[in-house]
Amino acid sequence: FFNPPRYLKLLEIIPSQKTMPEVVDFMMDYGQRFLGKTTVLCKDTPAFIANRIGVYSIMALFHLVEEMDMTVEEVDKLTGPVLGRPKSATFRTCDVVGL
């Protein structure tokens, strides 16, 4: 689950080599049908899919912020709800997750 689970829809299912296929199928279906999540079958690798994508996006943004000499406030104003993203925007999200 991604935090906070009541707002975020993604649920990664990460089976081990010993996980029975029936269990994987059940978890994928259960997550979608009963929890209302978008389930994604993933390999067991460091970091979740969304975190890997998010870190890439944030690093790309940080480079642009430096090039364009933008303030934290300017970035958060432009990268929050106006783009369909959370109210916390970029820098507040980084703060919340401990970056």
PDB file of N, CA and C in Angstrom:
ATOM      1  N   PHE A   1       0.839  -1.188   0.000  1.00  0.00           N
ATOM      2  CA  PHE A   1       0.000   0.000   0.000  1.00  0.00           C
ATOM      3  C   PHE A   1       0.875   1.239   0.000  1.00  0.00           C
ATOM      4  N   PHE A   2       0.361   2.294  -0.580  1.00  0.00           N
ATOM      5  CA  PHE A   2       1.039   3.577  -0.532  1.00  0.00           C
ATOM      6  C   PHE A   2       0.311   4.450   0.468  1.00  0.00           C
ATOM      7  N   ASN A   3       1.036   5.307   1.157  1.00  0.00           N
ATOM      8  CA  ASN A   3       0.453   6.132   2.202  1.00  0.00           C
ATOM      9  C   ASN A   3       0.056   7.499   1.672  1.00  0.00           C
ATOM     10  N   PRO A   4      -1.053   7.996   2.121  1.00  0.00           N
ATOM     11  CA  PRO A   4      -2.071   7.334   2.939  1.00  0.00           C
ATOM     12  C   PRO A   4      -2.950   6.425   2.074  1.00  0.00           C
ATOM     13  N   PRO A   5      -3.155   5.181   2.501  1.00  0.00           N
ATOM     14  CA  PRO A   5      -3.881   4.202   1.678  1.00  0.00           C
ATOM     15  C   PRO A   5      -5.306   4.605   1.326  1.00  0.00           C
ATOM     16  N   ARG A   6      -5.941   5.418   2.153  1.00  0.00           N
ATOM     17  CA  ARG A   6      -7.332   5.796   1.845  1.00  0.00           C
ATOM     18  C   ARG A   6      -7.405   6.713   0.629  1.00  0.00           C
ATOM     19  N   TYR A   7      -6.289   7.361   0.267  1.00  0.00           N
ATOM     20  CA  TYR A   7      -6.279   8.261  -0.883  1.00  0.00           C
ATOM     21  C   TYR A   7      -5.559   7.691  -2.100  1.00  0.00           C
ATOM     22  N   LEU A   8      -4.550   6.891  -1.882  1.00  0.00           N
ATOM     23  CA  LEU A   8      -3.728   6.403  -2.990  1.00  0.00           C
ATOM     24  C   LEU A   8      -4.199   5.032  -3.437  1.00  0.00           C
ATOM     25  N   LYS A   9      -4.375   4.876  -4.727  1.00  0.00           N
ATOM     26  CA  LYS A   9      -5.032   3.691  -5.291  1.00  0.00           C
ATOM     27  C   LYS A   9      -4.093   2.542  -5.645  1.00  0.00           C
ATOM     28  N   LEU A  10      -2.800   2.786  -5.691  1.00  0.00           N
ATOM     29  CA  LEU A  10      -1.883   1.754  -6.169  1.00  0.00           C
ATOM     30  C   LEU A  10      -1.581   0.712  -5.095  1.00  0.00           C
ATOM     31  N   LEU A  11      -1.628  -0.555  -5.493  1.00  0.00           N
ATOM     32  CA  LEU A  11      -1.262  -1.673  -4.622  1.00  0.00           C
ATOM     33  C   LEU A  11      -0.360  -2.597  -5.419  1.00  0.00           C
ATOM     34  N   GLU A  12       0.898  -2.680  -5.009  1.00  0.00           N
ATOM     35  CA  GLU A  12       1.848  -3.557  -5.683  1.00  0.00           C
ATOM     36  C   GLU A  12       1.812  -4.933  -5.029  1.00  0.00           C
ATOM     37  N   ILE A  13       1.668  -5.958  -5.840  1.00  0.00           N
ATOM     38  CA  ILE A  13       1.709  -7.345  -5.379  1.00  0.00           C
ATOM     39  C   ILE A  13       3.075  -7.895  -5.785  1.00  0.00           C
ATOM     40  N   ILE A  14       3.859  -8.330  -4.789  1.00  0.00           N
ATOM     41  CA  ILE A  14       5.229  -8.771  -5.042  1.00  0.00           C
ATOM     42  C   ILE A  14       5.396 -10.198  -4.520  1.00  0.00           C
ATOM     43  N   PRO A  15       5.180 -11.176  -5.381  1.00  0.00           N
ATOM     44  CA  PRO A  15       5.320 -12.567  -4.939  1.00  0.00           C
ATOM     45  C   PRO A  15       6.785 -12.990  -4.869  1.00  0.00           C
ATOM     46  N   SER A  16       7.041 -13.984  -4.028  1.00  0.00           N
ATOM     47  CA  SER A  16       8.374 -14.591  -3.999  1.00  0.00           C
ATOM     48  C   SER A  16       8.366 -15.798  -4.933  1.00  0.00           C
ATOM     49  N   GLN A  17       9.494 -16.453  -5.054  1.00  0.00           N
ATOM     50  CA  GLN A  17       9.568 -17.650  -5.894  1.00  0.00           C
ATOM     51  C   GLN A  17       8.694 -18.770  -5.332  1.00  0.00           C
ATOM     52  N   LYS A  18       8.409 -18.701  -4.037  1.00  0.00           N
ATOM     53  CA  LYS A  18       7.633 -19.760  -3.382  1.00  0.00           C
ATOM     54  C   LYS A  18       6.141 -19.454  -3.311  1.00  0.00           C
ATOM     55  N   THR A  19       5.724 -18.279  -3.761  1.00  0.00           N
ATOM     56  CA  THR A  19       4.309 -17.917  -3.704  1.00  0.00           C
ATOM     57  C   THR A  19       3.538 -18.685  -4.770  1.00  0.00           C
ATOM     58  N   MET A  20       2.472 -19.338  -4.336  1.00  0.00           N
ATOM     59  CA  MET A  20       1.649 -20.095  -5.283  1.00  0.00           C
ATOM     60  C   MET A  20       0.919 -19.130  -6.223  1.00  0.00           C
ATOM     61  N   PRO A  21       0.828 -19.463  -7.508  1.00  0.00           N
ATOM     62  CA  PRO A  21       0.123 -18.601  -8.468  1.00  0.00           C
ATOM     63  C   PRO A  21      -1.316 -18.306  -8.046  1.00  0.00           C
ATOM     64  N   GLU A  22      -1.968 -19.264  -7.389  1.00  0.00           N
ATOM     65  CA  GLU A  22      -3.351 -19.052  -6.938  1.00  0.00           C
ATOM     66  C   GLU A  22      -3.425 -17.927  -5.908  1.00  0.00           C
ATOM     67  N   VAL A  23      -2.409 -17.829  -5.063  1.00  0.00           N
ATOM     68  CA  VAL A  23      -2.375 -16.773  -4.046  1.00  0.00           C
ATOM     69  C   VAL A  23      -2.187 -15.414  -4.724  1.00  0.00           C
ATOM     70  N   VAL A  24      -1.311 -15.362  -5.706  1.00  0.00           N
ATOM     71  CA  VAL A  24      -1.085 -14.116  -6.446  1.00  0.00           C
ATOM     72  C   VAL A  24      -2.378 -13.681  -7.134  1.00  0.00           C
ATOM     73  N   ASP A  25      -3.036 -14.607  -7.806  1.00  0.00           N
ATOM     74  CA  ASP A  25      -4.299 -14.290  -8.484  1.00  0.00           C
ATOM     75  C   ASP A  25      -5.339 -13.783  -7.493  1.00  0.00           C
ATOM     76  N   PHE A  26      -5.428 -14.445  -6.332  1.00  0.00           N
ATOM     77  CA  PHE A  26      -6.385 -14.038  -5.307  1.00  0.00           C
ATOM     78  C   PHE A  26      -6.092 -12.614  -4.831  1.00  0.00           C
ATOM     79  N   MET A  27      -4.824 -12.320  -4.532  1.00  0.00           N
ATOM     80  CA  MET A  27      -4.457 -10.999  -4.023  1.00  0.00           C
ATOM     81  C   MET A  27      -4.711  -9.901  -5.062  1.00  0.00           C
ATOM     82  N   MET A  28      -4.406 -10.193  -6.314  1.00  0.00           N
ATOM     83  CA  MET A  28      -4.658  -9.217  -7.383  1.00  0.00           C
ATOM     84  C   MET A  28      -6.154  -8.912  -7.472  1.00  0.00           C
ATOM     85  N   ASP A  29      -6.966  -9.956  -7.470  1.00  0.00           N
ATOM     86  CA  ASP A  29      -8.414  -9.793  -7.568  1.00  0.00           C
ATOM     87  C   ASP A  29      -8.982  -9.116  -6.326  1.00  0.00           C
ATOM     88  N   TYR A  30      -8.544  -9.544  -5.150  1.00  0.00           N
ATOM     89  CA  TYR A  30      -9.039  -8.992  -3.892  1.00  0.00           C
ATOM     90  C   TYR A  30      -8.732  -7.493  -3.804  1.00  0.00           C
ATOM     91  N   GLY A  31      -7.507  -7.132  -4.153  1.00  0.00           N
ATOM     92  CA  GLY A  31      -7.124  -5.722  -4.106  1.00  0.00           C
ATOM     93  C   GLY A  31      -7.992  -4.860  -4.999  1.00  0.00           C
ATOM     94  N   GLN A  32      -8.309  -5.371  -6.181  1.00  0.00           N
ATOM     95  CA  GLN A  32      -9.143  -4.606  -7.115  1.00  0.00           C
ATOM     96  C   GLN A  32     -10.604  -4.609  -6.697  1.00  0.00           C
ATOM     97  N   ARG A  33     -11.123  -5.796  -6.455  1.00  0.00           N
ATOM     98  CA  ARG A  33     -12.563  -5.934  -6.231  1.00  0.00           C
ATOM     99  C   ARG A  33     -13.022  -5.389  -4.883  1.00  0.00           C
ATOM    100  N   PHE A  34     -12.309  -5.724  -3.811  1.00  0.00           N
ATOM    101  CA  PHE A  34     -12.783  -5.383  -2.472  1.00  0.00           C
ATOM    102  C   PHE A  34     -12.111  -4.161  -1.858  1.00  0.00           C
ATOM    103  N   LEU A  35     -10.902  -3.863  -2.289  1.00  0.00           N
ATOM    104  CA  LEU A  35     -10.208  -2.705  -1.734  1.00  0.00           C
ATOM    105  C   LEU A  35     -10.249  -1.498  -2.662  1.00  0.00           C
ATOM    106  N   GLY A  36     -10.699  -1.712  -3.907  1.00  0.00           N
ATOM    107  CA  GLY A  36     -10.789  -0.609  -4.857  1.00  0.00           C
ATOM    108  C   GLY A  36      -9.438  -0.083  -5.312  1.00  0.00           C
ATOM    109  N   LYS A  37      -8.439  -0.937  -5.272  1.00  0.00           N
ATOM    110  CA  LYS A  37      -7.084  -0.529  -5.652  1.00  0.00           C
ATOM    111  C   LYS A  37      -6.778  -0.935  -7.083  1.00  0.00           C
ATOM    112  N   THR A  38      -5.817  -0.241  -7.671  1.00  0.00           N
ATOM    113  CA  THR A  38      -5.245  -0.663  -8.941  1.00  0.00           C
ATOM    114  C   THR A  38      -4.068  -1.553  -8.581  1.00  0.00           C
ATOM    115  N   THR A  39      -4.198  -2.844  -8.833  1.00  0.00           N
ATOM    116  CA  THR A  39      -3.130  -3.768  -8.448  1.00  0.00           C
ATOM    117  C   THR A  39      -2.156  -3.956  -9.603  1.00  0.00           C
ATOM    118  N   VAL A  40      -0.885  -4.037  -9.249  1.00  0.00           N
ATOM    119  CA  VAL A  40       0.182  -4.210 -10.228  1.00  0.00           C
ATOM    120  C   VAL A  40       1.069  -5.348  -9.747  1.00  0.00           C
ATOM    121  N   LEU A  41       1.321  -6.303 -10.611  1.00  0.00           N
ATOM    122  CA  LEU A  41       2.210  -7.419 -10.296  1.00  0.00           C
ATOM    123  C   LEU A  41       3.642  -6.964 -10.547  1.00  0.00           C
ATOM    124  N   CYS A  42       4.501  -7.079  -9.532  1.00  0.00           N
ATOM    125  CA  CYS A  42       5.860  -6.537  -9.614  1.00  0.00           C
ATOM    126  C   CYS A  42       6.905  -7.573  -9.240  1.00  0.00           C
ATOM    127  N   LYS A  43       8.110  -7.336  -9.714  1.00  0.00           N
ATOM    128  CA  LYS A  43       9.257  -8.127  -9.285  1.00  0.00           C
ATOM    129  C   LYS A  43       9.732  -7.587  -7.944  1.00  0.00           C
ATOM    130  N   ASP A  44      10.432  -8.418  -7.197  1.00  0.00           N
ATOM    131  CA  ASP A  44      10.986  -8.001  -5.917  1.00  0.00           C
ATOM    132  C   ASP A  44      12.295  -7.252  -6.171  1.00  0.00           C
ATOM    133  N   THR A  45      12.193  -5.943  -6.246  1.00  0.00           N
ATOM    134  CA  THR A  45      13.356  -5.087  -6.479  1.00  0.00           C
ATOM    135  C   THR A  45      13.352  -3.970  -5.444  1.00  0.00           C
ATOM    136  N   PRO A  46      14.493  -3.335  -5.224  1.00  0.00           N
ATOM    137  CA  PRO A  46      14.517  -2.217  -4.277  1.00  0.00           C
ATOM    138  C   PRO A  46      13.589  -1.094  -4.732  1.00  0.00           C
ATOM    139  N   ALA A  47      12.855  -0.557  -3.813  1.00  0.00           N
ATOM    140  CA  ALA A  47      11.935   0.563  -4.012  1.00  0.00           C
ATOM    141  C   ALA A  47      10.702   0.148  -4.824  1.00  0.00           C
ATOM    142  N   PHE A  48       9.583   0.761  -4.475  1.00  0.00           N
ATOM    143  CA  PHE A  48       8.337   0.506  -5.181  1.00  0.00           C
ATOM    144  C   PHE A  48       8.336   1.242  -6.520  1.00  0.00           C
ATOM    145  N   ILE A  49       7.473   0.798  -7.435  1.00  0.00           N
ATOM    146  CA  ILE A  49       7.385   1.406  -8.767  1.00  0.00           C
ATOM    147  C   ILE A  49       7.157   2.915  -8.672  1.00  0.00           C
ATOM    148  N   ALA A  50       6.152   3.306  -7.924  1.00  0.00           N
ATOM    149  CA  ALA A  50       5.825   4.731  -7.829  1.00  0.00           C
ATOM    150  C   ALA A  50       6.980   5.521  -7.223  1.00  0.00           C
ATOM    151  N   ASN A  51       7.686   4.934  -6.273  1.00  0.00           N
ATOM    152  CA  ASN A  51       8.822   5.633  -5.673  1.00  0.00           C
ATOM    153  C   ASN A  51       9.955   5.811  -6.678  1.00  0.00           C
ATOM    154  N   ARG A  52      10.205   4.797  -7.490  1.00  0.00           N
ATOM    155  CA  ARG A  52      11.264   4.919  -8.501  1.00  0.00           C
ATOM    156  C   ARG A  52      10.903   6.002  -9.524  1.00  0.00           C
ATOM    157  N   ILE A  53       9.649   6.012  -9.953  1.00  0.00           N
ATOM    158  CA  ILE A  53       9.197   7.042 -10.896  1.00  0.00           C
ATOM    159  C   ILE A  53       9.239   8.416 -10.231  1.00  0.00           C
ATOM    160  N   GLY A  54       8.778   8.468  -8.992  1.00  0.00           N
ATOM    161  CA  GLY A  54       8.750   9.735  -8.259  1.00  0.00           C
ATOM    162  C   GLY A  54      10.129  10.324  -8.035  1.00  0.00           C
ATOM    163  N   VAL A  55      11.087   9.488  -7.667  1.00  0.00           N
ATOM    164  CA  VAL A  55      12.450   9.983  -7.448  1.00  0.00           C
ATOM    165  C   VAL A  55      13.031  10.525  -8.752  1.00  0.00           C
ATOM    166  N   TYR A  56      12.808   9.812  -9.844  1.00  0.00           N
ATOM    167  CA  TYR A  56      13.277  10.300 -11.149  1.00  0.00           C
ATOM    168  C   TYR A  56      12.654  11.668 -11.460  1.00  0.00           C
ATOM    169  N   SER A  57      11.348  11.779 -11.264  1.00  0.00           N
ATOM    170  CA  SER A  57      10.647  13.038 -11.558  1.00  0.00           C
ATOM    171  C   SER A  57      11.153  14.178 -10.688  1.00  0.00           C
ATOM    172  N   ILE A  58      11.332  13.897  -9.407  1.00  0.00           N
ATOM    173  CA  ILE A  58      11.792  14.940  -8.491  1.00  0.00           C
ATOM    174  C   ILE A  58      13.208  15.386  -8.846  1.00  0.00           C
ATOM    175  N   MET A  59      14.071  14.439  -9.170  1.00  0.00           N
ATOM    176  CA  MET A  59      15.445  14.807  -9.535  1.00  0.00           C
ATOM    177  C   MET A  59      15.462  15.653 -10.812  1.00  0.00           C
ATOM    178  N   ALA A  60      14.643  15.285 -11.787  1.00  0.00           N
ATOM    179  CA  ALA A  60      14.556  16.086 -13.017  1.00  0.00           C
ATOM    180  C   ALA A  60      14.057  17.493 -12.691  1.00  0.00           C
ATOM    181  N   LEU A  61      13.054  17.573 -11.811  1.00  0.00           N
ATOM    182  CA  LEU A  61      12.523  18.875 -11.417  1.00  0.00           C
ATOM    183  C   LEU A  61      13.574  19.695 -10.683  1.00  0.00           C
ATOM    184  N   PHE A  62      14.332  19.072  -9.788  1.00  0.00           N
ATOM    185  CA  PHE A  62      15.366  19.802  -9.052  1.00  0.00           C
ATOM    186  C   PHE A  62      16.383  20.435  -9.999  1.00  0.00           C
ATOM    187  N   HIS A  63      16.732  19.723 -11.056  1.00  0.00           N
ATOM    188  CA  HIS A  63      17.661  20.287 -12.042  1.00  0.00           C
ATOM    189  C   HIS A  63      17.045  21.513 -12.724  1.00  0.00           C
ATOM    190  N   LEU A  64      15.770  21.420 -13.074  1.00  0.00           N
ATOM    191  CA  LEU A  64      15.086  22.566 -13.695  1.00  0.00           C
ATOM    192  C   LEU A  64      14.965  23.744 -12.737  1.00  0.00           C
ATOM    193  N   VAL A  65      14.663  23.449 -11.477  1.00  0.00           N
ATOM    194  CA  VAL A  65      14.532  24.505 -10.468  1.00  0.00           C
ATOM    195  C   VAL A  65      15.837  25.282 -10.363  1.00  0.00           C
ATOM    196  N   GLU A  66      16.938  24.549 -10.363  1.00  0.00           N
ATOM    197  CA  GLU A  66      18.242  25.207 -10.283  1.00  0.00           C
ATOM    198  C   GLU A  66      18.510  26.046 -11.539  1.00  0.00           C
ATOM    199  N   GLU A  67      18.236  25.473 -12.703  1.00  0.00           N
ATOM    200  CA  GLU A  67      18.453  26.195 -13.965  1.00  0.00           C
ATOM    201  C   GLU A  67      17.596  27.455 -14.064  1.00  0.00           C
ATOM    202  N   MET A  68      16.353  27.356 -13.586  1.00  0.00           N
ATOM    203  CA  MET A  68      15.411  28.470 -13.727  1.00  0.00           C
ATOM    204  C   MET A  68      15.412  29.404 -12.517  1.00  0.00           C
ATOM    205  N   ASP A  69      16.230  29.070 -11.509  1.00  0.00           N
ATOM    206  CA  ASP A  69      16.352  29.895 -10.305  1.00  0.00           C
ATOM    207  C   ASP A  69      14.986  30.156  -9.654  1.00  0.00           C
ATOM    208  N   MET A  70      14.238  29.077  -9.426  1.00  0.00           N
ATOM    209  CA  MET A  70      12.901  29.187  -8.833  1.00  0.00           C
ATOM    210  C   MET A  70      12.970  28.996  -7.321  1.00  0.00           C
ATOM    211  N   THR A  71      11.995  29.572  -6.620  1.00  0.00           N
ATOM    212  CA  THR A  71      11.907  29.394  -5.171  1.00  0.00           C
ATOM    213  C   THR A  71      11.070  28.157  -4.851  1.00  0.00           C
ATOM    214  N   VAL A  72      11.178  27.699  -3.613  1.00  0.00           N
ATOM    215  CA  VAL A  72      10.375  26.569  -3.145  1.00  0.00           C
ATOM    216  C   VAL A  72       8.892  26.889  -3.304  1.00  0.00           C
ATOM    217  N   GLU A  73       8.505  28.090  -2.928  1.00  0.00           N
ATOM    218  CA  GLU A  73       7.102  28.496  -3.009  1.00  0.00           C
ATOM    219  C   GLU A  73       6.594  28.497  -4.453  1.00  0.00           C
ATOM    220  N   GLU A  74       7.408  28.975  -5.370  1.00  0.00           N
ATOM    221  CA  GLU A  74       7.010  28.986  -6.784  1.00  0.00           C
ATOM    222  C   GLU A  74       6.809  27.565  -7.311  1.00  0.00           C
ATOM    223  N   VAL A  75       7.729  26.684  -6.960  1.00  0.00           N
ATOM    224  CA  VAL A  75       7.639  25.297  -7.428  1.00  0.00           C
ATOM    225  C   VAL A  75       6.395  24.628  -6.864  1.00  0.00           C
ATOM    226  N   ASP A  76       6.166  24.784  -5.558  1.00  0.00           N
ATOM    227  CA  ASP A  76       4.998  24.138  -4.955  1.00  0.00           C
ATOM    228  C   ASP A  76       3.691  24.706  -5.499  1.00  0.00           C
ATOM    229  N   LYS A  77       3.681  25.978  -5.836  1.00  0.00           N
ATOM    230  CA  LYS A  77       2.471  26.570  -6.411  1.00  0.00           C
ATOM    231  C   LYS A  77       2.167  25.963  -7.785  1.00  0.00           C
ATOM    232  N   LEU A  78       3.218  25.621  -8.528  1.00  0.00           N
ATOM    233  CA  LEU A  78       3.056  25.105  -9.893  1.00  0.00           C
ATOM    234  C   LEU A  78       2.972  23.585  -9.987  1.00  0.00           C
ATOM    235  N   THR A  79       3.317  22.877  -8.920  1.00  0.00           N
ATOM    236  CA  THR A  79       3.367  21.409  -9.008  1.00  0.00           C
ATOM    237  C   THR A  79       2.388  20.713  -8.074  1.00  0.00           C
ATOM    238  N   GLY A  80       1.378  21.412  -7.633  1.00  0.00           N
ATOM    239  CA  GLY A  80       0.360  20.813  -6.779  1.00  0.00           C
ATOM    240  C   GLY A  80      -0.928  20.566  -7.533  1.00  0.00           C
ATOM    241  N   PRO A  81      -2.046  20.992  -6.957  1.00  0.00           N
ATOM    242  CA  PRO A  81      -3.358  20.749  -7.566  1.00  0.00           C
ATOM    243  C   PRO A  81      -3.508  21.278  -8.989  1.00  0.00           C
ATOM    244  N   VAL A  82      -2.772  22.320  -9.342  1.00  0.00           N
ATOM    245  CA  VAL A  82      -2.876  22.867 -10.694  1.00  0.00           C
ATOM    246  C   VAL A  82      -2.494  21.820 -11.750  1.00  0.00           C
ATOM    247  N   LEU A  83      -1.673  20.837 -11.360  1.00  0.00           N
ATOM    248  CA  LEU A  83      -1.292  19.740 -12.263  1.00  0.00           C
ATOM    249  C   LEU A  83      -2.051  18.449 -11.969  1.00  0.00           C
ATOM    250  N   GLY A  84      -3.024  18.540 -11.063  1.00  0.00           N
ATOM    251  CA  GLY A  84      -3.762  17.338 -10.689  1.00  0.00           C
ATOM    252  C   GLY A  84      -3.005  16.485  -9.690  1.00  0.00           C
ATOM    253  N   ARG A  85      -2.068  17.081  -9.002  1.00  0.00           N
ATOM    254  CA  ARG A  85      -1.276  16.366  -7.999  1.00  0.00           C
ATOM    255  C   ARG A  85      -1.742  16.761  -6.604  1.00  0.00           C
ATOM    256  N   PRO A  86      -1.239  16.086  -5.571  1.00  0.00           N
ATOM    257  CA  PRO A  86      -1.671  16.388  -4.202  1.00  0.00           C
ATOM    258  C   PRO A  86      -1.386  17.830  -3.782  1.00  0.00           C
ATOM    259  N   LYS A  87      -2.127  18.285  -2.773  1.00  0.00           N
ATOM    260  CA  LYS A  87      -1.939  19.629  -2.229  1.00  0.00           C
ATOM    261  C   LYS A  87      -0.516  19.841  -1.733  1.00  0.00           C
ATOM    262  N   SER A  88       0.119  18.760  -1.319  1.00  0.00           N
ATOM    263  CA  SER A  88       1.461  18.891  -0.755  1.00  0.00           C
ATOM    264  C   SER A  88       2.498  19.304  -1.792  1.00  0.00           C
ATOM    265  N   ALA A  89       2.194  19.167  -3.067  1.00  0.00           N
ATOM    266  CA  ALA A  89       3.104  19.558  -4.158  1.00  0.00           C
ATOM    267  C   ALA A  89       4.473  18.903  -3.991  1.00  0.00           C
ATOM    268  N   THR A  90       5.497  19.483  -4.573  1.00  0.00           N
ATOM    269  CA  THR A  90       6.804  18.822  -4.633  1.00  0.00           C
ATOM    270  C   THR A  90       7.594  18.917  -3.337  1.00  0.00           C
ATOM    271  N   PHE A  91       7.922  20.119  -2.907  1.00  0.00           N
ATOM    272  CA  PHE A  91       8.802  20.258  -1.755  1.00  0.00           C
ATOM    273  C   PHE A  91       8.124  19.850  -0.453  1.00  0.00           C
ATOM    274  N   ARG A  92       6.837  20.121  -0.317  1.00  0.00           N
ATOM    275  CA  ARG A  92       6.135  19.670   0.885  1.00  0.00           C
ATOM    276  C   ARG A  92       6.065  18.152   0.923  1.00  0.00           C
ATOM    277  N   THR A  93       5.890  17.510  -0.235  1.00  0.00           N
ATOM    278  CA  THR A  93       5.898  16.045  -0.280  1.00  0.00           C
ATOM    279  C   THR A  93       7.271  15.517   0.116  1.00  0.00           C
ATOM    280  N   CYS A  94       8.321  16.120  -0.400  1.00  0.00           N
ATOM    281  CA  CYS A  94       9.684  15.710  -0.019  1.00  0.00           C
ATOM    282  C   CYS A  94       9.876  15.836   1.487  1.00  0.00           C
ATOM    283  N   ASP A  95       9.343  16.896   2.056  1.00  0.00           N
ATOM    284  CA  ASP A  95       9.425  17.110   3.496  1.00  0.00           C
ATOM    285  C   ASP A  95       8.703  16.002   4.260  1.00  0.00           C
ATOM    286  N   VAL A  96       7.504  15.664   3.808  1.00  0.00           N
ATOM    287  CA  VAL A  96       6.686  14.642   4.474  1.00  0.00           C
ATOM    288  C   VAL A  96       7.362  13.276   4.457  1.00  0.00           C
ATOM    289  N   VAL A  97       7.989  12.926   3.326  1.00  0.00           N
ATOM    290  CA  VAL A  97       8.597  11.596   3.213  1.00  0.00           C
ATOM    291  C   VAL A  97      10.031  11.559   3.732  1.00  0.00           C
ATOM    292  N   GLY A  98      10.544  12.692   4.176  1.00  0.00           N
ATOM    293  CA  GLY A  98      11.849  12.710   4.810  1.00  0.00           C
ATOM    294  C   GLY A  98      13.037  12.907   3.896  1.00  0.00           C
ATOM    295  N   LEU A  99      12.825  13.519   2.737  1.00  0.00           N
ATOM    296  CA  LEU A  99      13.972  13.787   1.851  1.00  0.00           C
ATOM    297  C   LEU A  99      14.623  15.104   2.194  1.00  0.00           C
TER     298      LEU A  99
END
